Amino acid sequence: MNHYSMLYVAAQWKEMPQTAVKSIAALDTEDAIEKMHQYPIDILILKKQDTEHETEKLARIFNHQFPEGRIILIDDQNVPAVSSILNECILSFEKKIKPIISIRDDAFEISSIPVHIQ
């Protein structure tokens, strides 16, 4: 499994659940933007707020900086489910990274390439 990192604005959360993902906390929106420039971020966790301007600002910058990244919007009712939501997100990353290999082993298939064994 690869190592992933998530960024969240600490001022929005009383407590962030412990996860296997490297957590990077930012104090506010401007600090979060600085962290996006300093670290590779795979997942941005944003809490739905009354002020959508800050959320939209962070989302636009994140999408520009990390087009392959994921944004997770959480409201107060979903805070306990953050760990499971992160696991689902990581599984989607892993599925995207894994190469698709198809092997066909059919001894009775007629081949267009002649094979000569000596």
N, C-alpha and C. Protein backbone atom coordinates (compact mmCIF):
# COMPACT_ATOMS: atom_id res chain seq x y z
N MET A 1 0.84 -1.17 0.00
CA MET A 1 0.00 0.00 0.00
C MET A 1 0.88 1.24 0.00
N ASN A 2 0.53 2.20 -0.80
CA ASN A 2 1.29 3.44 -0.88
C ASN A 2 0.99 4.33 0.32
N HIS A 3 1.82 5.32 0.50
CA HIS A 3 1.61 6.27 1.58
C HIS A 3 0.88 7.48 1.03
N TYR A 4 -0.19 7.86 1.69
CA TYR A 4 -0.99 8.99 1.27
C TYR A 4 -1.01 10.03 2.37
N SER A 5 -1.26 11.26 1.98
CA SER A 5 -1.34 12.33 2.98
C SER A 5 -2.63 13.10 2.80
N MET A 6 -3.15 13.56 3.93
CA MET A 6 -4.37 14.37 3.91
C MET A 6 -4.10 15.68 4.62
N LEU A 7 -4.80 16.69 4.19
CA LEU A 7 -4.70 18.02 4.78
C LEU A 7 -6.07 18.40 5.31
N TYR A 8 -6.10 18.96 6.51
CA TYR A 8 -7.35 19.45 7.06
C TYR A 8 -7.07 20.72 7.84
N VAL A 9 -8.07 21.57 7.92
CA VAL A 9 -7.94 22.82 8.68
C VAL A 9 -8.33 22.51 10.12
N ALA A 10 -7.34 22.58 11.01
CA ALA A 10 -7.53 22.15 12.40
C ALA A 10 -8.57 22.99 13.14
N ALA A 11 -8.69 24.24 12.78
CA ALA A 11 -9.65 25.10 13.49
C ALA A 11 -11.08 24.64 13.29
N GLN A 12 -11.34 23.85 12.25
CA GLN A 12 -12.69 23.38 11.98
C GLN A 12 -13.07 22.17 12.84
N TRP A 13 -12.10 21.51 13.42
CA TRP A 13 -12.34 20.23 14.08
C TRP A 13 -12.02 20.30 15.57
N LYS A 14 -12.86 19.70 16.37
CA LYS A 14 -12.53 19.53 17.78
C LYS A 14 -11.51 18.42 17.91
N GLU A 15 -11.74 17.36 17.17
CA GLU A 15 -10.84 16.19 17.22
C GLU A 15 -10.94 15.48 15.88
N MET A 16 -9.78 15.16 15.31
CA MET A 16 -9.75 14.42 14.05
C MET A 16 -9.44 12.96 14.37
N PRO A 17 -10.24 12.02 13.87
CA PRO A 17 -9.98 10.60 14.15
C PRO A 17 -8.60 10.18 13.64
N GLN A 18 -7.97 9.26 14.35
CA GLN A 18 -6.67 8.74 13.93
C GLN A 18 -6.87 7.84 12.72
N THR A 19 -6.03 8.04 11.72
CA THR A 19 -6.10 7.23 10.51
C THR A 19 -4.71 6.77 10.13
N ALA A 20 -4.65 5.87 9.17
CA ALA A 20 -3.36 5.38 8.68
C ALA A 20 -2.74 6.37 7.69
N VAL A 21 -3.47 7.38 7.34
CA VAL A 21 -3.00 8.38 6.38
C VAL A 21 -2.20 9.45 7.13
N LYS A 22 -1.11 9.91 6.52
CA LYS A 22 -0.32 10.98 7.12
C LYS A 22 -1.19 12.24 7.18
N SER A 23 -1.37 12.76 8.37
CA SER A 23 -2.23 13.92 8.57
C SER A 23 -1.40 15.19 8.66
N ILE A 24 -1.82 16.20 7.93
CA ILE A 24 -1.19 17.51 7.98
C ILE A 24 -2.27 18.50 8.38
N ALA A 25 -2.07 19.16 9.49
CA ALA A 25 -3.06 20.11 9.99
C ALA A 25 -2.65 21.53 9.61
N ALA A 26 -3.63 22.32 9.25
CA ALA A 26 -3.41 23.74 8.97
C ALA A 26 -4.23 24.55 9.96
N LEU A 27 -3.71 25.70 10.35
CA LEU A 27 -4.40 26.52 11.34
C LEU A 27 -5.61 27.24 10.76
N ASP A 28 -5.48 27.68 9.50
CA ASP A 28 -6.57 28.40 8.85
C ASP A 28 -6.43 28.23 7.35
N THR A 29 -7.24 28.94 6.58
CA THR A 29 -7.24 28.79 5.13
C THR A 29 -5.89 29.15 4.52
N GLU A 30 -5.32 30.26 4.95
CA GLU A 30 -4.03 30.69 4.40
C GLU A 30 -2.92 29.69 4.73
N ASP A 31 -2.95 29.15 5.93
CA ASP A 31 -1.96 28.13 6.30
C ASP A 31 -2.16 26.87 5.46
N ALA A 32 -3.40 26.52 5.18
CA ALA A 32 -3.68 25.36 4.34
C ALA A 32 -3.12 25.56 2.93
N ILE A 33 -3.24 26.77 2.40
CA ILE A 33 -2.70 27.07 1.08
C ILE A 33 -1.18 26.95 1.09
N GLU A 34 -0.54 27.43 2.13
CA GLU A 34 0.91 27.30 2.25
C GLU A 34 1.33 25.83 2.30
N LYS A 35 0.58 25.02 3.07
CA LYS A 35 0.90 23.60 3.18
C LYS A 35 0.74 22.89 1.84
N MET A 36 -0.23 23.33 1.03
CA MET A 36 -0.42 22.74 -0.29
C MET A 36 0.80 23.00 -1.19
N HIS A 37 1.47 24.12 -0.97
CA HIS A 37 2.66 24.44 -1.75
C HIS A 37 3.90 23.73 -1.22
N GLN A 38 3.87 23.32 0.04
CA GLN A 38 5.04 22.70 0.67
C GLN A 38 5.04 21.18 0.57
N TYR A 39 3.87 20.56 0.61
CA TYR A 39 3.78 19.10 0.70
C TYR A 39 2.91 18.55 -0.42
N PRO A 40 3.19 17.32 -0.84
CA PRO A 40 2.25 16.67 -1.76
C PRO A 40 1.03 16.19 -0.95
N ILE A 41 -0.12 16.60 -1.36
CA ILE A 41 -1.36 16.27 -0.65
C ILE A 41 -2.23 15.42 -1.57
N ASP A 42 -2.71 14.31 -1.05
CA ASP A 42 -3.57 13.44 -1.83
C ASP A 42 -5.05 13.70 -1.55
N ILE A 43 -5.36 14.03 -0.31
CA ILE A 43 -6.75 14.17 0.12
C ILE A 43 -6.89 15.47 0.90
N LEU A 44 -7.88 16.25 0.56
CA LEU A 44 -8.20 17.47 1.30
C LEU A 44 -9.54 17.24 1.98
N ILE A 45 -9.55 17.37 3.29
CA ILE A 45 -10.79 17.19 4.04
C ILE A 45 -11.28 18.58 4.47
N LEU A 46 -12.47 18.90 4.05
CA LEU A 46 -13.07 20.19 4.38
C LEU A 46 -14.38 19.96 5.11
N LYS A 47 -14.59 20.77 6.11
CA LYS A 47 -15.83 20.71 6.86
C LYS A 47 -16.78 21.74 6.26
N LYS A 48 -18.01 21.33 6.02
CA LYS A 48 -19.00 22.26 5.49
C LYS A 48 -19.24 23.35 6.52
N GLN A 49 -19.14 24.59 6.05
CA GLN A 49 -19.27 25.73 6.96
C GLN A 49 -20.37 26.65 6.46
N ASP A 50 -20.63 27.68 7.29
CA ASP A 50 -21.56 28.71 6.87
C ASP A 50 -20.96 29.55 5.74
N THR A 51 -19.64 29.76 5.80
CA THR A 51 -18.97 30.54 4.78
C THR A 51 -18.42 29.61 3.70
N GLU A 52 -19.12 29.54 2.60
CA GLU A 52 -18.71 28.67 1.50
C GLU A 52 -17.53 29.26 0.73
N HIS A 53 -17.26 30.56 0.90
CA HIS A 53 -16.18 31.21 0.16
C HIS A 53 -14.83 30.57 0.46
N GLU A 54 -14.53 30.33 1.71
CA GLU A 54 -13.25 29.72 2.09
C GLU A 54 -13.15 28.29 1.57
N THR A 55 -14.24 27.56 1.65
CA THR A 55 -14.26 26.18 1.17
C THR A 55 -14.01 26.14 -0.34
N GLU A 56 -14.67 27.01 -1.07
CA GLU A 56 -14.50 27.07 -2.52
C GLU A 56 -13.08 27.49 -2.89
N LYS A 57 -12.52 28.43 -2.14
CA LYS A 57 -11.16 28.90 -2.39
C LYS A 57 -10.16 27.76 -2.23
N LEU A 58 -10.26 27.03 -1.13
CA LEU A 58 -9.37 25.90 -0.90
C LEU A 58 -9.56 24.81 -1.95
N ALA A 59 -10.79 24.54 -2.32
CA ALA A 59 -11.06 23.50 -3.30
C ALA A 59 -10.48 23.87 -4.66
N ARG A 60 -10.61 25.13 -5.08
CA ARG A 60 -10.05 25.56 -6.37
C ARG A 60 -8.54 25.43 -6.38
N ILE A 61 -7.89 25.88 -5.33
CA ILE A 61 -6.43 25.81 -5.26
C ILE A 61 -5.97 24.36 -5.23
N PHE A 62 -6.64 23.54 -4.44
CA PHE A 62 -6.28 22.13 -4.35
C PHE A 62 -6.42 21.43 -5.71
N ASN A 63 -7.54 21.67 -6.40
CA ASN A 63 -7.76 21.04 -7.71
C ASN A 63 -6.72 21.48 -8.73
N HIS A 64 -6.28 22.73 -8.63
CA HIS A 64 -5.24 23.22 -9.54
C HIS A 64 -3.89 22.59 -9.21
N GLN A 65 -3.57 22.53 -7.93
CA GLN A 65 -2.27 22.02 -7.48
C GLN A 65 -2.17 20.49 -7.60
N PHE A 66 -3.25 19.80 -7.28
CA PHE A 66 -3.26 18.34 -7.26
C PHE A 66 -4.48 17.82 -8.04
N PRO A 67 -4.41 17.80 -9.37
CA PRO A 67 -5.59 17.39 -10.15
C PRO A 67 -6.01 15.94 -9.92
N GLU A 68 -5.10 15.09 -9.46
CA GLU A 68 -5.44 13.69 -9.19
C GLU A 68 -5.93 13.49 -7.75
N GLY A 69 -5.90 14.54 -6.93
CA GLY A 69 -6.29 14.44 -5.53
C GLY A 69 -7.80 14.36 -5.35
N ARG A 70 -8.21 14.09 -4.13
CA ARG A 70 -9.63 13.99 -3.80
C ARG A 70 -9.98 14.99 -2.70
N ILE A 71 -11.17 15.57 -2.80
CA ILE A 71 -11.68 16.46 -1.77
C ILE A 71 -12.85 15.75 -1.10
N ILE A 72 -12.81 15.73 0.22
CA ILE A 72 -13.89 15.13 1.00
C ILE A 72 -14.54 16.24 1.81
N LEU A 73 -15.83 16.45 1.58
CA LEU A 73 -16.59 17.43 2.35
C LEU A 73 -17.34 16.69 3.46
N ILE A 74 -17.15 17.14 4.67
CA ILE A 74 -17.75 16.49 5.83
C ILE A 74 -18.62 17.51 6.57
N ASP A 75 -19.77 17.05 7.03
CA ASP A 75 -20.55 17.90 7.93
C ASP A 75 -20.47 17.31 9.33
N ASP A 76 -21.06 17.99 10.29
CA ASP A 76 -20.92 17.58 11.69
C ASP A 76 -21.41 16.15 11.95
N GLN A 77 -22.39 15.69 11.21
CA GLN A 77 -22.92 14.35 11.43
C GLN A 77 -21.98 13.26 10.91
N ASN A 78 -21.12 13.60 9.94
CA ASN A 78 -20.25 12.60 9.32
C ASN A 78 -18.87 12.51 9.96
N VAL A 79 -18.59 13.30 10.98
CA VAL A 79 -17.25 13.30 11.58
C VAL A 79 -16.84 11.91 12.07
N PRO A 80 -17.70 11.15 12.73
CA PRO A 80 -17.27 9.80 13.16
C PRO A 80 -16.95 8.87 11.99
N ALA A 81 -17.47 9.17 10.81
CA ALA A 81 -17.26 8.31 9.65
C ALA A 81 -16.04 8.69 8.82
N VAL A 82 -15.24 9.63 9.29
CA VAL A 82 -14.09 10.11 8.51
C VAL A 82 -13.14 8.95 8.18
N SER A 83 -12.87 8.09 9.14
CA SER A 83 -11.95 6.98 8.90
C SER A 83 -12.44 6.07 7.78
N SER A 84 -13.70 5.72 7.79
CA SER A 84 -14.21 4.83 6.74
C SER A 84 -14.25 5.55 5.39
N ILE A 85 -14.55 6.83 5.38
CA ILE A 85 -14.55 7.60 4.12
C ILE A 85 -13.13 7.67 3.56
N LEU A 86 -12.14 7.87 4.43
CA LEU A 86 -10.75 7.89 3.99
C LEU A 86 -10.32 6.54 3.43
N ASN A 87 -10.73 5.46 4.08
CA ASN A 87 -10.38 4.13 3.58
C ASN A 87 -10.96 3.88 2.19
N GLU A 88 -12.19 4.32 1.97
CA GLU A 88 -12.80 4.19 0.65
C GLU A 88 -12.03 4.99 -0.39
N CYS A 89 -11.61 6.17 -0.01
CA CYS A 89 -10.84 7.03 -0.90
C CYS A 89 -9.50 6.38 -1.24
N ILE A 90 -8.83 5.82 -0.26
CA ILE A 90 -7.54 5.17 -0.48
C ILE A 90 -7.71 3.95 -1.38
N LEU A 91 -8.79 3.19 -1.18
CA LEU A 91 -9.04 2.04 -2.04
C LEU A 91 -9.24 2.47 -3.49
N SER A 92 -9.89 3.60 -3.69
CA SER A 92 -10.07 4.08 -5.06
C SER A 92 -8.74 4.50 -5.67
N PHE A 93 -7.83 5.07 -4.85
CA PHE A 93 -6.49 5.38 -5.33
C PHE A 93 -5.75 4.10 -5.72
N GLU A 94 -5.83 3.10 -4.85
CA GLU A 94 -5.13 1.84 -5.08
C GLU A 94 -5.63 1.14 -6.34
N LYS A 95 -6.94 1.15 -6.56
CA LYS A 95 -7.50 0.53 -7.75
C LYS A 95 -7.02 1.24 -9.01
N LYS A 96 -6.89 2.56 -8.91
CA LYS A 96 -6.45 3.35 -10.05
C LYS A 96 -4.98 3.08 -10.37
N ILE A 97 -4.17 2.81 -9.36
CA ILE A 97 -2.74 2.61 -9.54
C ILE A 97 -2.43 1.22 -10.05
N LYS A 98 -3.18 0.22 -9.60
CA LYS A 98 -2.89 -1.16 -9.97
C LYS A 98 -3.04 -1.35 -11.49
N PRO A 99 -2.04 -1.95 -12.10
CA PRO A 99 -2.17 -2.23 -13.54
C PRO A 99 -3.15 -3.37 -13.78
N ILE A 100 -3.82 -3.31 -14.88
CA ILE A 100 -4.73 -4.38 -15.25
C ILE A 100 -3.95 -5.34 -16.14
N ILE A 101 -3.84 -6.57 -15.71
CA ILE A 101 -3.09 -7.57 -16.45
C ILE A 101 -4.06 -8.66 -16.86
N SER A 102 -4.01 -8.97 -18.12
CA SER A 102 -4.87 -10.03 -18.63
C SER A 102 -3.98 -11.09 -19.26
N ILE A 103 -4.08 -12.31 -18.77
CA ILE A 103 -3.29 -13.42 -19.29
C ILE A 103 -4.26 -14.47 -19.81
N ARG A 104 -4.01 -14.88 -21.03
CA ARG A 104 -4.87 -15.90 -21.61
C ARG A 104 -4.00 -17.11 -21.91
N ASP A 105 -4.36 -18.20 -21.35
CA ASP A 105 -3.61 -19.43 -21.54
C ASP A 105 -4.57 -20.48 -22.10
N ASP A 106 -4.54 -20.62 -23.40
CA ASP A 106 -5.44 -21.55 -24.04
C ASP A 106 -4.64 -22.38 -25.03
N ALA A 107 -4.31 -23.60 -24.65
CA ALA A 107 -3.48 -24.46 -25.49
C ALA A 107 -4.20 -24.91 -26.75
N PHE A 108 -5.50 -24.85 -26.76
CA PHE A 108 -6.26 -25.34 -27.90
C PHE A 108 -6.64 -24.23 -28.89
N GLU A 109 -6.28 -23.01 -28.55
CA GLU A 109 -6.61 -21.90 -29.44
C GLU A 109 -5.72 -21.98 -30.68
N ILE A 110 -6.30 -21.78 -31.82
CA ILE A 110 -5.53 -21.79 -33.06
C ILE A 110 -4.83 -20.45 -33.17
N SER A 111 -3.53 -20.49 -33.26
CA SER A 111 -2.72 -19.29 -33.30
C SER A 111 -2.38 -18.94 -34.74
N SER A 112 -2.29 -17.64 -34.99
CA SER A 112 -1.89 -17.19 -36.32
C SER A 112 -0.37 -17.17 -36.46
N ILE A 113 0.34 -17.37 -35.35
CA ILE A 113 1.79 -17.40 -35.35
C ILE A 113 2.23 -18.86 -35.31
N PRO A 114 2.96 -19.29 -36.34
CA PRO A 114 3.39 -20.69 -36.32
C PRO A 114 4.48 -20.90 -35.27
N VAL A 115 4.36 -21.97 -34.51
CA VAL A 115 5.32 -22.29 -33.48
C VAL A 115 5.98 -23.60 -33.87
N HIS A 116 7.33 -23.61 -33.93
CA HIS A 116 8.07 -24.82 -34.29
C HIS A 116 8.94 -25.20 -33.11
N ILE A 117 8.76 -26.39 -32.63
CA ILE A 117 9.56 -26.91 -31.52
C ILE A 117 10.55 -27.94 -32.08
N GLN A 118 11.82 -27.77 -31.77
CA GLN A 118 12.84 -28.70 -32.28
C GLN A 118 13.46 -29.47 -31.16
